[in-house]
N, C-alpha and C. Protein backbone atom coordinates (compact mmCIF):
# COMPACT_ATOMS: atom_id res chain seq x y z
N UNK A 1 37.77 118.15 -153.53
CA UNK A 1 38.33 117.16 -152.64
C UNK A 1 37.52 115.87 -152.76
N UNK A 2 38.20 114.75 -152.67
CA UNK A 2 37.54 113.45 -152.71
C UNK A 2 37.66 112.79 -151.34
N UNK A 3 36.58 112.12 -150.93
CA UNK A 3 36.52 111.46 -149.63
C UNK A 3 36.36 109.96 -149.83
N UNK A 4 37.05 109.14 -149.02
CA UNK A 4 36.90 107.68 -149.14
C UNK A 4 35.50 107.24 -148.72
N UNK A 5 34.96 106.26 -149.43
CA UNK A 5 33.65 105.72 -149.08
C UNK A 5 33.76 104.24 -148.70
N UNK A 6 34.27 103.40 -149.62
CA UNK A 6 34.44 101.98 -149.29
C UNK A 6 35.43 101.33 -150.24
N UNK A 7 35.90 100.16 -149.84
CA UNK A 7 36.77 99.33 -150.67
C UNK A 7 36.06 98.00 -150.89
N UNK A 8 35.96 97.59 -152.14
CA UNK A 8 35.31 96.33 -152.48
C UNK A 8 36.32 95.18 -152.42
N UNK A 9 35.82 93.96 -152.43
CA UNK A 9 36.66 92.78 -152.31
C UNK A 9 37.70 92.62 -153.40
N UNK A 10 37.45 93.18 -154.58
CA UNK A 10 38.41 93.07 -155.68
C UNK A 10 39.46 94.18 -155.66
N UNK A 11 39.44 95.00 -154.60
CA UNK A 11 40.41 96.09 -154.48
C UNK A 11 39.92 97.42 -155.03
N UNK A 12 38.70 97.47 -155.58
CA UNK A 12 38.16 98.73 -156.08
C UNK A 12 37.92 99.69 -154.93
N UNK A 13 38.53 100.85 -155.02
CA UNK A 13 38.32 101.92 -154.04
C UNK A 13 37.22 102.83 -154.57
N UNK A 14 36.28 103.18 -153.71
CA UNK A 14 35.20 104.09 -154.08
C UNK A 14 35.37 105.36 -153.25
N UNK A 15 35.46 106.49 -153.95
CA UNK A 15 35.58 107.79 -153.29
C UNK A 15 34.52 108.72 -153.88
N UNK A 16 34.22 109.79 -153.15
CA UNK A 16 33.21 110.74 -153.64
C UNK A 16 33.67 112.17 -153.37
N UNK A 17 33.10 113.07 -154.14
CA UNK A 17 33.41 114.49 -154.00
C UNK A 17 32.56 115.10 -152.89
N UNK A 18 32.83 116.36 -152.59
CA UNK A 18 31.92 117.14 -151.77
C UNK A 18 30.72 117.50 -152.64
N UNK A 19 29.72 118.16 -152.07
CA UNK A 19 28.59 118.64 -152.87
C UNK A 19 29.12 119.71 -153.83
N UNK A 20 28.82 119.54 -155.10
CA UNK A 20 29.24 120.49 -156.12
C UNK A 20 28.01 121.26 -156.60
N UNK A 21 28.12 122.57 -156.62
CA UNK A 21 27.02 123.43 -157.05
C UNK A 21 27.18 123.74 -158.54
N UNK A 22 26.10 123.50 -159.29
CA UNK A 22 26.06 123.91 -160.69
C UNK A 22 24.91 124.90 -160.84
N UNK A 23 24.74 125.44 -161.99
CA UNK A 23 23.77 126.52 -162.23
C UNK A 23 22.45 126.33 -161.47
N UNK A 24 21.80 125.21 -161.65
CA UNK A 24 20.48 125.04 -161.05
C UNK A 24 20.33 123.76 -160.24
N UNK A 25 21.43 123.10 -159.93
CA UNK A 25 21.34 121.87 -159.15
C UNK A 25 22.66 121.55 -158.46
N UNK A 26 22.60 120.58 -157.57
CA UNK A 26 23.81 120.10 -156.90
C UNK A 26 24.11 118.70 -157.39
N UNK A 27 25.38 118.32 -157.29
CA UNK A 27 25.76 116.98 -157.72
C UNK A 27 26.90 116.47 -156.84
N UNK A 28 27.13 115.17 -156.94
CA UNK A 28 28.26 114.50 -156.28
C UNK A 28 28.90 113.61 -157.33
N UNK A 29 30.22 113.64 -157.42
CA UNK A 29 30.96 112.77 -158.33
C UNK A 29 31.45 111.57 -157.52
N UNK A 30 31.22 110.37 -158.05
CA UNK A 30 31.69 109.14 -157.40
C UNK A 30 32.69 108.48 -158.34
N UNK A 31 33.86 108.16 -157.80
CA UNK A 31 34.95 107.59 -158.59
C UNK A 31 35.28 106.20 -158.09
N UNK A 32 35.44 105.26 -159.03
CA UNK A 32 35.79 103.88 -158.75
C UNK A 32 37.18 103.64 -159.36
N UNK A 33 38.08 103.03 -158.59
CA UNK A 33 39.43 102.78 -159.11
C UNK A 33 39.97 101.50 -158.53
N UNK A 34 40.57 100.66 -159.42
CA UNK A 34 41.13 99.38 -159.03
C UNK A 34 42.52 99.24 -159.63
N UNK A 35 43.53 98.90 -158.82
CA UNK A 35 44.87 98.72 -159.37
C UNK A 35 44.93 97.48 -160.26
N UNK A 36 45.72 97.61 -161.33
CA UNK A 36 45.97 96.48 -162.23
C UNK A 36 47.49 96.37 -162.43
N UNK A 37 47.92 95.37 -163.16
CA UNK A 37 49.34 95.21 -163.45
C UNK A 37 49.88 96.37 -164.28
N UNK A 38 49.01 97.00 -165.07
CA UNK A 38 49.44 98.07 -165.98
C UNK A 38 48.96 99.46 -165.57
N UNK A 39 48.46 99.62 -164.36
CA UNK A 39 47.96 100.93 -163.93
C UNK A 39 46.69 100.78 -163.11
N UNK A 40 45.59 101.33 -163.64
CA UNK A 40 44.33 101.31 -162.90
C UNK A 40 43.15 101.15 -163.85
N UNK A 41 42.12 100.44 -163.39
CA UNK A 41 40.80 100.51 -164.01
C UNK A 41 40.11 101.67 -163.31
N UNK A 42 39.31 102.43 -164.04
CA UNK A 42 38.62 103.55 -163.39
C UNK A 42 37.28 103.81 -164.06
N UNK A 43 36.37 104.30 -163.23
CA UNK A 43 35.04 104.70 -163.70
C UNK A 43 34.61 105.88 -162.84
N UNK A 44 33.81 106.75 -163.42
CA UNK A 44 33.37 107.95 -162.70
C UNK A 44 31.91 108.21 -163.07
N UNK A 45 31.08 108.43 -162.04
CA UNK A 45 29.65 108.65 -162.24
C UNK A 45 29.22 109.91 -161.52
N UNK A 46 28.33 110.66 -162.15
CA UNK A 46 27.82 111.91 -161.61
C UNK A 46 26.39 111.68 -161.11
N UNK A 47 26.20 111.95 -159.82
CA UNK A 47 24.87 111.83 -159.21
C UNK A 47 24.24 113.21 -159.07
N UNK A 48 22.97 113.39 -159.16
CA UNK A 48 21.92 112.38 -159.16
C UNK A 48 21.51 111.88 -160.54
N UNK A 49 22.16 112.32 -161.60
CA UNK A 49 21.76 111.93 -162.96
C UNK A 49 22.22 110.52 -163.33
N UNK A 50 23.16 109.94 -162.57
CA UNK A 50 23.76 108.64 -162.90
C UNK A 50 24.38 108.69 -164.30
N UNK A 51 25.07 109.81 -164.56
CA UNK A 51 25.75 110.01 -165.84
C UNK A 51 27.19 109.52 -165.69
N UNK A 52 27.56 108.51 -166.48
CA UNK A 52 28.92 107.97 -166.42
C UNK A 52 29.84 108.81 -167.28
N UNK A 53 30.89 109.36 -166.68
CA UNK A 53 31.85 110.18 -167.40
C UNK A 53 32.95 109.34 -168.03
N UNK A 54 33.28 108.23 -167.40
CA UNK A 54 34.25 107.31 -167.99
C UNK A 54 34.04 105.92 -167.41
N UNK A 55 34.43 104.91 -168.18
CA UNK A 55 34.33 103.51 -167.77
C UNK A 55 35.48 102.78 -168.43
N UNK A 56 36.62 102.78 -167.82
CA UNK A 56 37.82 102.18 -168.43
C UNK A 56 38.28 100.97 -167.62
N UNK A 57 38.27 99.81 -168.27
CA UNK A 57 38.79 98.60 -167.66
C UNK A 57 37.77 97.75 -166.93
N UNK A 58 36.60 98.30 -166.62
CA UNK A 58 35.56 97.54 -165.95
C UNK A 58 34.61 96.94 -166.98
N UNK A 59 34.10 95.73 -166.70
CA UNK A 59 33.15 95.08 -167.60
C UNK A 59 31.77 95.73 -167.48
N UNK A 60 30.90 95.45 -168.44
CA UNK A 60 29.53 95.95 -168.38
C UNK A 60 28.82 95.43 -167.12
N UNK A 61 29.12 94.20 -166.74
CA UNK A 61 28.51 93.62 -165.53
C UNK A 61 28.97 94.36 -164.28
N UNK A 62 30.25 94.72 -164.23
CA UNK A 62 30.77 95.47 -163.08
C UNK A 62 30.14 96.86 -163.01
N UNK A 63 30.01 97.52 -164.16
CA UNK A 63 29.39 98.85 -164.19
C UNK A 63 27.93 98.74 -163.74
N UNK A 64 27.22 97.70 -164.16
CA UNK A 64 25.83 97.50 -163.73
C UNK A 64 25.77 97.31 -162.21
N UNK A 65 26.72 96.58 -161.64
CA UNK A 65 26.77 96.38 -160.20
C UNK A 65 27.05 97.71 -159.49
N UNK A 66 27.97 98.51 -160.05
CA UNK A 66 28.27 99.83 -159.48
C UNK A 66 27.01 100.72 -159.50
N UNK A 67 26.29 100.67 -160.61
CA UNK A 67 25.10 101.50 -160.72
C UNK A 67 24.05 101.07 -159.69
N UNK A 68 23.91 99.78 -159.49
CA UNK A 68 23.00 99.27 -158.47
C UNK A 68 23.44 99.75 -157.08
N UNK A 69 24.74 99.67 -156.82
CA UNK A 69 25.29 100.16 -155.55
C UNK A 69 24.99 101.65 -155.38
N UNK A 70 25.17 102.43 -156.44
CA UNK A 70 24.92 103.87 -156.37
C UNK A 70 23.45 104.17 -156.09
N UNK A 71 22.54 103.44 -156.74
CA UNK A 71 21.12 103.67 -156.51
C UNK A 71 20.74 103.40 -155.05
N UNK A 72 21.34 102.40 -154.43
CA UNK A 72 20.99 102.10 -153.04
C UNK A 72 21.78 102.92 -152.03
N UNK A 73 22.83 103.63 -152.47
CA UNK A 73 23.66 104.42 -151.56
C UNK A 73 23.67 105.91 -151.85
N UNK A 74 22.93 106.37 -152.85
CA UNK A 74 22.98 107.78 -153.25
C UNK A 74 22.64 108.71 -152.09
N UNK A 75 21.63 108.36 -151.31
CA UNK A 75 21.25 109.22 -150.18
C UNK A 75 22.39 109.36 -149.18
N UNK A 76 23.13 108.28 -148.95
CA UNK A 76 24.28 108.34 -148.03
C UNK A 76 25.43 109.14 -148.64
N UNK A 77 25.67 108.95 -149.92
CA UNK A 77 26.75 109.69 -150.58
C UNK A 77 26.49 111.19 -150.52
N UNK A 78 25.25 111.62 -150.72
CA UNK A 78 24.93 113.04 -150.61
C UNK A 78 25.08 113.52 -149.17
N UNK A 79 24.66 112.70 -148.23
CA UNK A 79 24.79 113.07 -146.81
C UNK A 79 26.27 113.24 -146.43
N UNK A 80 27.09 112.26 -146.79
CA UNK A 80 28.51 112.32 -146.45
C UNK A 80 29.22 113.45 -147.21
N UNK A 81 28.80 113.68 -148.45
CA UNK A 81 29.40 114.77 -149.23
C UNK A 81 29.12 116.12 -148.58
N UNK A 82 27.92 116.27 -148.03
CA UNK A 82 27.56 117.53 -147.37
C UNK A 82 28.29 117.71 -146.04
N UNK A 83 28.70 116.60 -145.43
CA UNK A 83 29.35 116.65 -144.12
C UNK A 83 30.87 116.50 -144.17
N UNK A 84 31.45 116.52 -145.34
CA UNK A 84 32.91 116.39 -145.44
C UNK A 84 33.40 114.96 -145.30
N UNK A 85 32.65 114.01 -145.80
CA UNK A 85 33.04 112.61 -145.75
C UNK A 85 32.46 111.91 -144.53
N UNK A 86 32.73 110.61 -144.46
CA UNK A 86 32.27 109.81 -143.33
C UNK A 86 33.07 110.22 -142.11
N UNK A 87 32.36 110.54 -141.05
CA UNK A 87 33.03 110.96 -139.80
C UNK A 87 33.17 109.74 -138.89
N UNK A 88 34.37 109.21 -138.79
CA UNK A 88 34.65 108.05 -137.94
C UNK A 88 35.40 108.53 -136.72
N UNK A 89 34.85 108.21 -135.55
CA UNK A 89 35.46 108.66 -134.30
C UNK A 89 36.62 107.78 -133.89
């Protein structure tokens, strides 16, 4: 399941997975998606390794900005992933 995290000014939606268990570690997948005239730009990063699984349609500068955002928000993404997303009353 993917949970909404934030929407950027250019329309990029950021969503994240729940905590995923792998053999010897846990991870969270963060997905970035922006509508275009021909479909969507999309990028997907696996935390805590910051391993990019795909980067389609975004510039190198945008990916660098996303990575910076992930480094400063990783602790929150793991917290929200463990709690089933952001709980808004």
